[in-house]
Amino acid sequence: MTGTYDHLIERLESIGEEIADLGMDRLRASIEGEAETYGNEERQLGKARRAIEKAANELRRI
């Protein structure tokens, strides 16, 4: 069944990259003094990204 879930894995990886980009945007905003709540938001984005990566890894094991 190699490749059965490849399309889903690719989509999840893409979503993970988008979330990582959002995290970097929040970091830049924090550094520039534009975001006051960066810490909590960045942590939540990190958790979401890790969950997406975990889902992609689980699909690879099937």
N, C-alpha and C. Protein backbone atom coordinates (compact mmCIF):
# COMPACT_ATOMS: atom_id res chain seq x y z
N MET A 1 0.80 -1.20 0.00
CA MET A 1 0.00 0.00 0.00
C MET A 1 0.84 1.27 0.00
N THR A 2 2.04 1.17 -0.44
CA THR A 2 2.90 2.34 -0.50
C THR A 2 2.26 3.43 -1.34
N GLY A 3 2.20 4.63 -0.81
CA GLY A 3 1.67 5.75 -1.56
C GLY A 3 0.20 6.01 -1.35
N THR A 4 -0.49 5.14 -0.62
CA THR A 4 -1.92 5.31 -0.42
C THR A 4 -2.26 6.65 0.23
N TYR A 5 -1.44 7.07 1.15
CA TYR A 5 -1.73 8.29 1.89
C TYR A 5 -0.79 9.44 1.54
N ASP A 6 -0.03 9.27 0.48
CA ASP A 6 0.95 10.30 0.11
C ASP A 6 0.31 11.68 -0.08
N HIS A 7 -0.85 11.73 -0.71
CA HIS A 7 -1.49 13.03 -0.94
C HIS A 7 -1.87 13.71 0.37
N LEU A 8 -2.32 12.91 1.34
CA LEU A 8 -2.67 13.48 2.65
C LEU A 8 -1.42 13.94 3.39
N ILE A 9 -0.37 13.14 3.30
CA ILE A 9 0.88 13.50 3.96
C ILE A 9 1.42 14.80 3.40
N GLU A 10 1.38 14.95 2.08
CA GLU A 10 1.84 16.18 1.46
C GLU A 10 1.02 17.38 1.91
N ARG A 11 -0.29 17.21 2.00
CA ARG A 11 -1.14 18.31 2.46
C ARG A 11 -0.83 18.68 3.91
N LEU A 12 -0.64 17.67 4.75
CA LEU A 12 -0.31 17.93 6.15
C LEU A 12 1.03 18.65 6.27
N GLU A 13 2.01 18.21 5.49
CA GLU A 13 3.31 18.87 5.52
C GLU A 13 3.20 20.32 5.09
N SER A 14 2.37 20.58 4.09
CA SER A 14 2.16 21.95 3.62
C SER A 14 1.51 22.80 4.71
N ILE A 15 0.53 22.24 5.38
CA ILE A 15 -0.12 22.95 6.48
C ILE A 15 0.87 23.21 7.60
N GLY A 16 1.71 22.22 7.92
CA GLY A 16 2.73 22.40 8.94
C GLY A 16 3.68 23.54 8.60
N GLU A 17 4.05 23.64 7.33
CA GLU A 17 4.93 24.73 6.89
C GLU A 17 4.23 26.09 7.03
N GLU A 18 2.95 26.13 6.69
CA GLU A 18 2.20 27.38 6.83
C GLU A 18 2.14 27.81 8.29
N ILE A 19 1.92 26.86 9.17
CA ILE A 19 1.87 27.17 10.61
C ILE A 19 3.23 27.65 11.08
N ALA A 20 4.30 27.02 10.62
CA ALA A 20 5.65 27.45 10.99
C ALA A 20 5.90 28.88 10.50
N ASP A 21 5.44 29.19 9.29
CA ASP A 21 5.59 30.56 8.77
C ASP A 21 4.83 31.57 9.63
N LEU A 22 3.64 31.19 10.06
CA LEU A 22 2.88 32.08 10.95
C LEU A 22 3.64 32.32 12.25
N GLY A 23 4.25 31.27 12.78
CA GLY A 23 5.05 31.40 13.99
C GLY A 23 6.20 32.36 13.79
N MET A 24 6.86 32.28 12.65
CA MET A 24 7.97 33.20 12.35
C MET A 24 7.46 34.64 12.21
N ASP A 25 6.30 34.80 11.59
CA ASP A 25 5.72 36.14 11.49
C ASP A 25 5.44 36.72 12.87
N ARG A 26 4.93 35.88 13.77
CA ARG A 26 4.65 36.35 15.14
C ARG A 26 5.93 36.71 15.85
N LEU A 27 6.98 35.92 15.62
CA LEU A 27 8.28 36.20 16.23
C LEU A 27 8.82 37.54 15.75
N ARG A 28 8.75 37.77 14.43
CA ARG A 28 9.21 39.06 13.90
C ARG A 28 8.42 40.22 14.49
N ALA A 29 7.10 40.05 14.58
CA ALA A 29 6.26 41.10 15.15
C ALA A 29 6.62 41.37 16.60
N SER A 30 6.94 40.31 17.33
CA SER A 30 7.32 40.46 18.72
C SER A 30 8.63 41.22 18.85
N ILE A 31 9.58 40.87 18.00
CA ILE A 31 10.89 41.52 18.03
C ILE A 31 10.76 43.00 17.69
N GLU A 32 9.87 43.29 16.75
CA GLU A 32 9.66 44.67 16.33
C GLU A 32 8.71 45.43 17.27
N GLY A 33 8.24 44.75 18.30
CA GLY A 33 7.39 45.39 19.29
C GLY A 33 5.95 45.57 18.87
N GLU A 34 5.52 44.83 17.86
CA GLU A 34 4.17 44.98 17.36
C GLU A 34 3.18 44.00 18.01
N ALA A 35 3.66 43.00 18.68
CA ALA A 35 2.77 41.99 19.26
C ALA A 35 3.05 41.85 20.74
N GLU A 36 2.02 42.01 21.53
CA GLU A 36 2.18 41.90 22.98
C GLU A 36 1.91 40.49 23.50
N THR A 37 1.14 39.72 22.76
CA THR A 37 0.75 38.39 23.23
C THR A 37 1.47 37.28 22.46
N TYR A 38 2.63 37.58 21.97
CA TYR A 38 3.36 36.63 21.13
C TYR A 38 3.60 35.29 21.83
N GLY A 39 4.04 35.29 23.05
CA GLY A 39 4.45 34.07 23.74
C GLY A 39 3.37 33.00 23.73
N ASN A 40 2.18 33.34 24.13
CA ASN A 40 1.09 32.38 24.18
C ASN A 40 0.69 31.92 22.78
N GLU A 41 0.59 32.85 21.86
CA GLU A 41 0.20 32.51 20.50
C GLU A 41 1.25 31.61 19.84
N GLU A 42 2.52 31.93 20.04
CA GLU A 42 3.59 31.13 19.45
C GLU A 42 3.57 29.71 20.00
N ARG A 43 3.32 29.57 21.29
CA ARG A 43 3.24 28.23 21.90
C ARG A 43 2.09 27.43 21.29
N GLN A 44 0.96 28.08 21.09
CA GLN A 44 -0.19 27.39 20.50
C GLN A 44 0.10 26.99 19.06
N LEU A 45 0.75 27.86 18.30
CA LEU A 45 1.10 27.53 16.93
C LEU A 45 2.10 26.37 16.90
N GLY A 46 3.03 26.37 17.83
CA GLY A 46 4.00 25.27 17.91
C GLY A 46 3.33 23.95 18.21
N LYS A 47 2.37 23.96 19.13
CA LYS A 47 1.63 22.75 19.45
C LYS A 47 0.85 22.25 18.24
N ALA A 48 0.23 23.18 17.53
CA ALA A 48 -0.54 22.80 16.34
C ALA A 48 0.38 22.19 15.27
N ARG A 49 1.55 22.82 15.06
CA ARG A 49 2.50 22.31 14.07
C ARG A 49 2.97 20.92 14.44
N ARG A 50 3.28 20.70 15.71
CA ARG A 50 3.73 19.37 16.15
C ARG A 50 2.63 18.33 15.97
N ALA A 51 1.38 18.71 16.21
CA ALA A 51 0.27 17.77 16.03
C ALA A 51 0.12 17.40 14.56
N ILE A 52 0.30 18.37 13.68
CA ILE A 52 0.23 18.10 12.24
C ILE A 52 1.36 17.16 11.83
N GLU A 53 2.56 17.42 12.33
CA GLU A 53 3.70 16.56 12.01
C GLU A 53 3.47 15.14 12.53
N LYS A 54 2.89 15.02 13.71
CA LYS A 54 2.60 13.71 14.28
C LYS A 54 1.59 12.96 13.41
N ALA A 55 0.58 13.67 12.93
CA ALA A 55 -0.41 13.04 12.06
C ALA A 55 0.24 12.53 10.77
N ALA A 56 1.10 13.35 10.17
CA ALA A 56 1.79 12.93 8.94
C ALA A 56 2.66 11.71 9.21
N ASN A 57 3.35 11.68 10.34
CA ASN A 57 4.21 10.55 10.68
C ASN A 57 3.37 9.28 10.90
N GLU A 58 2.22 9.42 11.52
CA GLU A 58 1.35 8.26 11.73
C GLU A 58 0.88 7.69 10.40
N LEU A 59 0.56 8.56 9.44
CA LEU A 59 0.13 8.08 8.12
C LEU A 59 1.27 7.38 7.40
N ARG A 60 2.48 7.80 7.61
CA ARG A 60 3.63 7.14 6.97
C ARG A 60 3.78 5.70 7.47
N ARG A 61 3.35 5.44 8.68
CA ARG A 61 3.51 4.11 9.28
C ARG A 61 2.47 3.11 8.81
N ILE A 62 1.41 3.59 8.18
CA ILE A 62 0.33 2.69 7.75
C ILE A 62 0.76 1.95 6.50
